[in-house]
Amino acid sequence: GIDMAVFVQDTLHMAERGSYYEGSVKIDGDFLVPPRTEFWKDIVVSGNIYLCPESHVKGNVTCKGGVICRGCVIEGDLIAEDGELRICDGASVHRIISTGDVYLRKDVISSEVRGNNILVMGKIQCGKLMGKNTRVVSGEY
């Protein structure tokens, strides 16, 4: 298969809608990924990643921070620096390892979450939660 185009605007890189990437993807800047994009290997982003709904990554994702939208699947590890990380409803990530703050919304699935401050909003399915401060807020958001 052919790798699809990545469009650049300032430091924001945008994946082409409806594309899939067989090789690893390395982005210098921020990366906006449209819904239902498939990555067969790793994504390495120097800035923030915005993984739109129902995208699927078979490898690891390395970034500064970002947003993993609802229904996304990351089969490998999500490794973030000190940027803010938001994991939205029903996203599934094997392990989340961050030195920054992590926000987990309802129905997130992960075997392990490490972060500075971890805020859990709603009921999640997580194995280990390891944060300097971990707070669970119940109720609807």
N, C-alpha and C. Protein backbone atom coordinates (compact mmCIF):
# COMPACT_ATOMS: atom_id res chain seq x y z
N GLY A 1 0.83 -1.20 0.00
CA GLY A 1 0.00 0.00 0.00
C GLY A 1 0.86 1.24 0.00
N ILE A 2 0.28 2.34 -0.40
CA ILE A 2 1.02 3.60 -0.39
C ILE A 2 0.66 4.38 0.85
N ASP A 3 1.65 5.05 1.44
CA ASP A 3 1.38 5.90 2.59
C ASP A 3 0.67 7.16 2.12
N MET A 4 -0.31 7.59 2.89
CA MET A 4 -1.11 8.73 2.51
C MET A 4 -0.42 10.04 2.87
N ALA A 5 -0.94 11.11 2.33
CA ALA A 5 -0.33 12.42 2.51
C ALA A 5 -0.52 12.96 3.92
N VAL A 6 0.41 13.79 4.33
CA VAL A 6 0.28 14.57 5.56
C VAL A 6 0.36 16.04 5.15
N PHE A 7 -0.66 16.82 5.49
CA PHE A 7 -0.70 18.24 5.14
C PHE A 7 -0.14 19.07 6.28
N VAL A 8 0.63 20.11 5.96
CA VAL A 8 1.27 20.93 6.99
C VAL A 8 0.76 22.36 6.93
N GLN A 9 0.41 22.90 8.11
CA GLN A 9 0.01 24.30 8.22
C GLN A 9 0.67 24.84 9.48
N ASP A 10 1.64 25.72 9.34
CA ASP A 10 2.49 26.17 10.45
C ASP A 10 3.15 24.94 11.07
N THR A 11 2.88 24.67 12.36
CA THR A 11 3.47 23.46 12.96
C THR A 11 2.43 22.36 13.11
N LEU A 12 1.22 22.59 12.55
CA LEU A 12 0.17 21.58 12.64
C LEU A 12 0.20 20.69 11.40
N HIS A 13 0.32 19.40 11.60
CA HIS A 13 0.30 18.43 10.52
C HIS A 13 -1.04 17.72 10.56
N MET A 14 -1.67 17.53 9.41
CA MET A 14 -2.97 16.87 9.36
C MET A 14 -2.90 15.64 8.46
N ALA A 15 -3.33 14.51 8.99
CA ALA A 15 -3.38 13.30 8.17
C ALA A 15 -4.54 13.43 7.19
N GLU A 16 -4.41 12.79 6.04
CA GLU A 16 -5.47 12.82 5.04
C GLU A 16 -6.64 11.97 5.53
N ARG A 17 -7.85 12.46 5.32
CA ARG A 17 -9.05 11.74 5.74
C ARG A 17 -9.15 10.38 5.02
N GLY A 18 -9.52 9.35 5.76
CA GLY A 18 -9.71 8.03 5.16
C GLY A 18 -8.42 7.31 4.84
N SER A 19 -7.32 7.71 5.47
CA SER A 19 -6.04 7.09 5.13
C SER A 19 -5.61 6.07 6.16
N TYR A 20 -4.66 5.23 5.74
CA TYR A 20 -4.02 4.33 6.69
C TYR A 20 -2.52 4.37 6.42
N TYR A 21 -1.75 4.13 7.48
CA TYR A 21 -0.30 4.25 7.41
C TYR A 21 0.32 2.91 7.78
N GLU A 22 1.04 2.30 6.84
CA GLU A 22 1.66 1.00 7.10
C GLU A 22 2.95 1.14 7.88
N GLY A 23 3.68 2.24 7.66
CA GLY A 23 4.95 2.46 8.35
C GLY A 23 4.77 3.33 9.58
N SER A 24 5.84 3.46 10.36
CA SER A 24 5.80 4.37 11.51
C SER A 24 5.74 5.81 11.01
N VAL A 25 5.11 6.68 11.80
CA VAL A 25 4.94 8.08 11.42
C VAL A 25 5.66 8.95 12.43
N LYS A 26 6.53 9.86 11.93
CA LYS A 26 7.26 10.78 12.82
C LYS A 26 6.89 12.20 12.41
N ILE A 27 6.42 12.98 13.36
CA ILE A 27 5.93 14.34 13.08
C ILE A 27 6.68 15.34 13.95
N ASP A 28 7.24 16.39 13.33
CA ASP A 28 7.86 17.47 14.08
C ASP A 28 6.83 18.58 14.20
N GLY A 29 6.16 18.67 15.34
CA GLY A 29 5.07 19.62 15.53
C GLY A 29 3.86 18.91 16.11
N ASP A 30 2.67 19.48 15.88
CA ASP A 30 1.42 18.87 16.35
C ASP A 30 0.81 18.03 15.24
N PHE A 31 0.04 17.01 15.61
CA PHE A 31 -0.52 16.09 14.62
C PHE A 31 -2.02 15.94 14.85
N LEU A 32 -2.81 16.32 13.84
CA LEU A 32 -4.26 16.17 13.88
C LEU A 32 -4.64 14.99 12.99
N VAL A 33 -5.28 14.00 13.61
CA VAL A 33 -5.63 12.77 12.90
C VAL A 33 -7.15 12.70 12.75
N PRO A 34 -7.67 12.65 11.51
CA PRO A 34 -9.12 12.58 11.31
C PRO A 34 -9.71 11.28 11.87
N PRO A 35 -11.04 11.22 12.05
CA PRO A 35 -11.66 10.00 12.56
C PRO A 35 -11.35 8.77 11.72
N ARG A 36 -11.31 7.63 12.39
CA ARG A 36 -11.16 6.31 11.76
C ARG A 36 -9.91 6.19 10.89
N THR A 37 -8.80 6.76 11.36
CA THR A 37 -7.52 6.60 10.65
C THR A 37 -6.79 5.41 11.26
N GLU A 38 -6.13 4.60 10.42
CA GLU A 38 -5.44 3.39 10.87
C GLU A 38 -3.92 3.57 10.79
N PHE A 39 -3.24 3.23 11.87
CA PHE A 39 -1.77 3.22 11.89
C PHE A 39 -1.32 1.82 12.26
N TRP A 40 -0.48 1.21 11.41
CA TRP A 40 -0.08 -0.17 11.66
C TRP A 40 1.14 -0.27 12.55
N LYS A 41 1.86 0.87 12.73
CA LYS A 41 3.05 0.85 13.58
C LYS A 41 2.98 2.01 14.58
N ASP A 42 4.12 2.66 14.85
CA ASP A 42 4.20 3.68 15.89
C ASP A 42 3.96 5.09 15.35
N ILE A 43 3.56 5.99 16.26
CA ILE A 43 3.48 7.42 15.95
C ILE A 43 4.38 8.15 16.95
N VAL A 44 5.29 8.99 16.43
CA VAL A 44 6.14 9.81 17.29
C VAL A 44 5.89 11.27 16.92
N VAL A 45 5.41 12.06 17.89
CA VAL A 45 5.05 13.45 17.65
C VAL A 45 5.81 14.32 18.63
N SER A 46 6.51 15.37 18.12
CA SER A 46 7.26 16.23 19.05
C SER A 46 6.32 17.16 19.83
N GLY A 47 5.15 17.45 19.27
CA GLY A 47 4.16 18.30 19.94
C GLY A 47 3.00 17.49 20.48
N ASN A 48 1.79 18.04 20.32
CA ASN A 48 0.58 17.37 20.79
C ASN A 48 -0.07 16.55 19.68
N ILE A 49 -0.73 15.47 20.08
CA ILE A 49 -1.48 14.67 19.12
C ILE A 49 -2.97 14.83 19.40
N TYR A 50 -3.75 14.95 18.35
CA TYR A 50 -5.21 15.00 18.45
C TYR A 50 -5.72 13.83 17.63
N LEU A 51 -6.01 12.74 18.32
CA LEU A 51 -6.44 11.51 17.66
C LEU A 51 -7.96 11.51 17.67
N CYS A 52 -8.58 11.78 16.51
CA CYS A 52 -10.03 11.92 16.44
C CYS A 52 -10.74 10.57 16.54
N PRO A 53 -12.07 10.57 16.78
CA PRO A 53 -12.78 9.35 17.18
C PRO A 53 -12.52 8.13 16.30
N GLU A 54 -12.45 7.00 16.98
CA GLU A 54 -12.40 5.67 16.37
C GLU A 54 -11.16 5.45 15.51
N SER A 55 -10.08 6.18 15.80
CA SER A 55 -8.82 5.89 15.13
C SER A 55 -8.15 4.72 15.85
N HIS A 56 -7.27 4.02 15.12
CA HIS A 56 -6.68 2.78 15.63
C HIS A 56 -5.17 2.79 15.39
N VAL A 57 -4.40 2.65 16.47
CA VAL A 57 -2.94 2.59 16.37
C VAL A 57 -2.49 1.24 16.89
N LYS A 58 -1.78 0.47 16.04
CA LYS A 58 -1.34 -0.86 16.46
C LYS A 58 -0.06 -0.82 17.28
N GLY A 59 0.70 0.27 17.17
CA GLY A 59 1.96 0.40 17.90
C GLY A 59 1.84 1.34 19.08
N ASN A 60 2.96 2.01 19.39
CA ASN A 60 3.02 2.97 20.49
C ASN A 60 2.82 4.39 19.96
N VAL A 61 2.38 5.29 20.85
CA VAL A 61 2.27 6.71 20.52
C VAL A 61 3.13 7.48 21.52
N THR A 62 4.09 8.28 21.00
CA THR A 62 4.94 9.12 21.84
C THR A 62 4.64 10.57 21.49
N CYS A 63 4.39 11.42 22.50
CA CYS A 63 4.00 12.81 22.24
C CYS A 63 4.31 13.68 23.45
N LYS A 64 4.08 14.99 23.29
CA LYS A 64 4.20 15.91 24.42
C LYS A 64 2.93 15.80 25.27
N GLY A 65 1.80 15.76 24.63
CA GLY A 65 0.49 15.67 25.27
C GLY A 65 -0.55 15.55 24.18
N GLY A 66 -1.82 15.76 24.55
CA GLY A 66 -2.84 15.74 23.51
C GLY A 66 -4.16 15.19 23.96
N VAL A 67 -4.99 14.88 22.96
CA VAL A 67 -6.34 14.38 23.19
C VAL A 67 -6.52 13.08 22.41
N ILE A 68 -6.96 12.05 23.11
CA ILE A 68 -7.31 10.78 22.48
C ILE A 68 -8.83 10.71 22.55
N CYS A 69 -9.50 10.84 21.41
CA CYS A 69 -10.95 10.99 21.39
C CYS A 69 -11.68 9.66 21.60
N ARG A 70 -13.01 9.76 21.69
CA ARG A 70 -13.81 8.59 22.05
C ARG A 70 -13.62 7.43 21.07
N GLY A 71 -13.60 6.25 21.63
CA GLY A 71 -13.55 5.04 20.83
C GLY A 71 -12.22 4.78 20.14
N CYS A 72 -11.19 5.56 20.42
CA CYS A 72 -9.87 5.29 19.83
C CYS A 72 -9.24 4.08 20.50
N VAL A 73 -8.43 3.36 19.76
CA VAL A 73 -7.70 2.22 20.31
C VAL A 73 -6.21 2.42 20.04
N ILE A 74 -5.40 2.37 21.11
CA ILE A 74 -3.94 2.34 20.99
C ILE A 74 -3.51 1.02 21.60
N GLU A 75 -3.06 0.09 20.75
CA GLU A 75 -2.71 -1.25 21.24
C GLU A 75 -1.43 -1.25 22.05
N GLY A 76 -0.55 -0.29 21.78
CA GLY A 76 0.71 -0.19 22.51
C GLY A 76 0.60 0.80 23.64
N ASP A 77 1.72 1.44 23.97
CA ASP A 77 1.79 2.40 25.06
C ASP A 77 1.60 3.82 24.53
N LEU A 78 0.96 4.66 25.33
CA LEU A 78 0.86 6.09 25.06
C LEU A 78 1.82 6.76 26.02
N ILE A 79 2.92 7.31 25.47
CA ILE A 79 3.98 7.88 26.30
C ILE A 79 3.99 9.39 26.08
N ALA A 80 3.70 10.16 27.14
CA ALA A 80 3.60 11.61 27.00
C ALA A 80 4.58 12.30 27.93
N GLU A 81 5.04 13.48 27.50
CA GLU A 81 5.88 14.31 28.35
C GLU A 81 4.97 15.12 29.26
N ASP A 82 5.41 16.34 29.61
CA ASP A 82 4.68 17.11 30.62
C ASP A 82 3.44 17.82 30.10
N GLY A 83 3.07 17.59 28.85
CA GLY A 83 1.84 18.19 28.34
C GLY A 83 0.62 17.51 28.95
N GLU A 84 -0.52 18.16 28.84
CA GLU A 84 -1.76 17.61 29.36
C GLU A 84 -2.28 16.52 28.42
N LEU A 85 -2.76 15.44 29.01
CA LEU A 85 -3.28 14.32 28.23
C LEU A 85 -4.73 14.10 28.60
N ARG A 86 -5.62 14.12 27.60
CA ARG A 86 -7.04 13.86 27.85
C ARG A 86 -7.46 12.61 27.09
N ILE A 87 -7.97 11.64 27.83
CA ILE A 87 -8.42 10.38 27.23
C ILE A 87 -9.94 10.37 27.32
N CYS A 88 -10.61 10.37 26.17
CA CYS A 88 -12.07 10.55 26.14
C CYS A 88 -12.83 9.23 26.24
N ASP A 89 -14.15 9.37 26.28
CA ASP A 89 -15.06 8.26 26.55
C ASP A 89 -14.79 7.01 25.71
N GLY A 90 -14.61 5.90 26.40
CA GLY A 90 -14.51 4.60 25.74
C GLY A 90 -13.23 4.37 24.95
N ALA A 91 -12.24 5.24 25.11
CA ALA A 91 -10.96 4.99 24.44
C ALA A 91 -10.23 3.86 25.15
N SER A 92 -9.47 3.09 24.40
CA SER A 92 -8.73 1.96 24.96
C SER A 92 -7.24 2.13 24.66
N VAL A 93 -6.42 2.16 25.72
CA VAL A 93 -4.98 2.34 25.57
C VAL A 93 -4.31 1.29 26.44
N HIS A 94 -3.37 0.52 25.88
CA HIS A 94 -2.73 -0.54 26.68
C HIS A 94 -2.15 0.02 27.97
N ARG A 95 -1.19 0.97 27.85
CA ARG A 95 -0.64 1.64 29.03
C ARG A 95 -0.49 3.12 28.73
N ILE A 96 -0.75 3.97 29.74
CA ILE A 96 -0.59 5.42 29.60
C ILE A 96 0.52 5.83 30.56
N ILE A 97 1.61 6.36 30.01
CA ILE A 97 2.76 6.73 30.83
C ILE A 97 3.07 8.20 30.56
N SER A 98 2.84 9.05 31.57
CA SER A 98 3.01 10.49 31.37
C SER A 98 3.70 11.11 32.57
N THR A 99 4.48 12.18 32.33
CA THR A 99 5.04 12.95 33.44
C THR A 99 4.16 14.16 33.72
N GLY A 100 3.11 14.35 32.91
CA GLY A 100 2.19 15.46 33.09
C GLY A 100 0.88 15.01 33.71
N ASP A 101 -0.15 15.83 33.53
CA ASP A 101 -1.47 15.53 34.08
C ASP A 101 -2.28 14.70 33.10
N VAL A 102 -3.05 13.76 33.63
CA VAL A 102 -3.85 12.86 32.80
C VAL A 102 -5.31 12.97 33.24
N TYR A 103 -6.20 13.21 32.27
CA TYR A 103 -7.64 13.27 32.53
C TYR A 103 -8.28 12.07 31.85
N LEU A 104 -8.99 11.26 32.63
CA LEU A 104 -9.61 10.05 32.09
C LEU A 104 -11.13 10.20 32.18
N ARG A 105 -11.80 10.08 31.05
CA ARG A 105 -13.27 10.17 31.06
C ARG A 105 -13.88 8.77 31.12
N LYS A 106 -15.20 8.73 31.24
CA LYS A 106 -15.86 7.45 31.52
C LYS A 106 -15.59 6.40 30.44
N ASP A 107 -15.58 5.15 30.91
CA ASP A 107 -15.43 3.97 30.06
C ASP A 107 -14.06 3.85 29.39
N VAL A 108 -13.07 4.60 29.88
CA VAL A 108 -11.71 4.41 29.38
C VAL A 108 -11.21 3.05 29.86
N ILE A 109 -10.50 2.34 28.98
CA ILE A 109 -9.94 1.03 29.31
C ILE A 109 -8.42 1.11 29.21
N SER A 110 -7.71 0.73 30.27
CA SER A 110 -6.25 0.73 30.26
C SER A 110 -5.74 -0.20 31.36
N SER A 111 -4.63 -0.89 31.08
CA SER A 111 -4.09 -1.79 32.10
C SER A 111 -3.31 -1.01 33.15
N GLU A 112 -2.78 0.16 32.77
CA GLU A 112 -1.94 0.93 33.69
C GLU A 112 -1.92 2.39 33.28
N VAL A 113 -2.07 3.29 34.27
CA VAL A 113 -1.99 4.73 34.00
C VAL A 113 -1.02 5.35 34.99
N ARG A 114 0.03 6.01 34.46
CA ARG A 114 0.98 6.74 35.31
C ARG A 114 0.93 8.20 34.90
N GLY A 115 0.93 9.09 35.91
CA GLY A 115 0.90 10.51 35.60
C GLY A 115 1.23 11.32 36.83
N ASN A 116 1.29 12.64 36.67
CA ASN A 116 1.52 13.53 37.79
C ASN A 116 0.21 13.63 38.57
N ASN A 117 -0.74 14.40 38.06
CA ASN A 117 -2.10 14.42 38.62
C ASN A 117 -2.98 13.61 37.69
N ILE A 118 -3.71 12.65 38.24
CA ILE A 118 -4.65 11.86 37.43
C ILE A 118 -6.05 12.19 37.92
N LEU A 119 -6.89 12.67 37.00
CA LEU A 119 -8.27 12.98 37.34
C LEU A 119 -9.17 12.02 36.58
N VAL A 120 -9.95 11.25 37.32
CA VAL A 120 -10.85 10.26 36.72
C VAL A 120 -12.27 10.79 36.79
N MET A 121 -12.90 10.94 35.62
CA MET A 121 -14.25 11.49 35.56
C MET A 121 -15.21 10.39 35.13
N GLY A 122 -15.86 9.75 36.09
CA GLY A 122 -16.77 8.66 35.76
C GLY A 122 -16.13 7.31 35.99
N LYS A 123 -16.83 6.26 35.58
CA LYS A 123 -16.38 4.88 35.84
C LYS A 123 -15.47 4.43 34.70
N ILE A 124 -14.29 3.94 35.07
CA ILE A 124 -13.33 3.48 34.06
C ILE A 124 -12.93 2.04 34.37
N GLN A 125 -12.28 1.40 33.40
CA GLN A 125 -11.76 0.04 33.59
C GLN A 125 -10.24 0.11 33.50
N CYS A 126 -9.59 0.35 34.64
CA CYS A 126 -8.14 0.47 34.66
C CYS A 126 -7.54 -0.46 35.68
N GLY A 127 -6.42 -1.06 35.32
CA GLY A 127 -5.71 -1.94 36.25
C GLY A 127 -5.08 -1.11 37.36
N LYS A 128 -3.91 -0.52 37.07
CA LYS A 128 -3.19 0.26 38.07
C LYS A 128 -3.27 1.75 37.74
N LEU A 129 -3.56 2.57 38.76
CA LEU A 129 -3.52 4.03 38.61
C LEU A 129 -2.40 4.54 39.49
N MET A 130 -1.35 5.11 38.88
CA MET A 130 -0.21 5.58 39.65
C MET A 130 0.05 7.05 39.37
N GLY A 131 -0.44 7.92 40.26
CA GLY A 131 -0.22 9.35 40.12
C GLY A 131 0.25 9.92 41.43
N LYS A 132 0.92 11.08 41.37
CA LYS A 132 1.27 11.78 42.63
C LYS A 132 -0.03 12.10 43.35
N ASN A 133 -1.02 12.56 42.58
CA ASN A 133 -2.37 12.81 43.11
C ASN A 133 -3.35 12.13 42.16
N THR A 134 -4.22 11.30 42.72
CA THR A 134 -5.25 10.67 41.90
C THR A 134 -6.60 11.01 42.51
N ARG A 135 -7.47 11.58 41.69
CA ARG A 135 -8.77 12.01 42.19
C ARG A 135 -9.85 11.42 41.30
N VAL A 136 -10.88 10.85 41.91
CA VAL A 136 -12.00 10.31 41.16
C VAL A 136 -13.21 11.21 41.38
N VAL A 137 -13.77 11.70 40.29
CA VAL A 137 -14.96 12.55 40.36
C VAL A 137 -16.10 11.77 39.73
N SER A 138 -17.14 11.50 40.50
CA SER A 138 -18.25 10.74 39.91
C SER A 138 -19.26 11.70 39.31
N GLY A 139 -20.25 11.15 38.66
CA GLY A 139 -21.30 11.98 38.07
C GLY A 139 -21.13 12.11 36.57
N GLU A 140 -22.08 12.74 35.95
CA GLU A 140 -22.08 12.87 34.49
C GLU A 140 -21.33 14.12 34.05
N TYR A 141 -20.67 14.03 32.90
CA TYR A 141 -19.96 15.19 32.34
C TYR A 141 -20.38 15.39 30.91
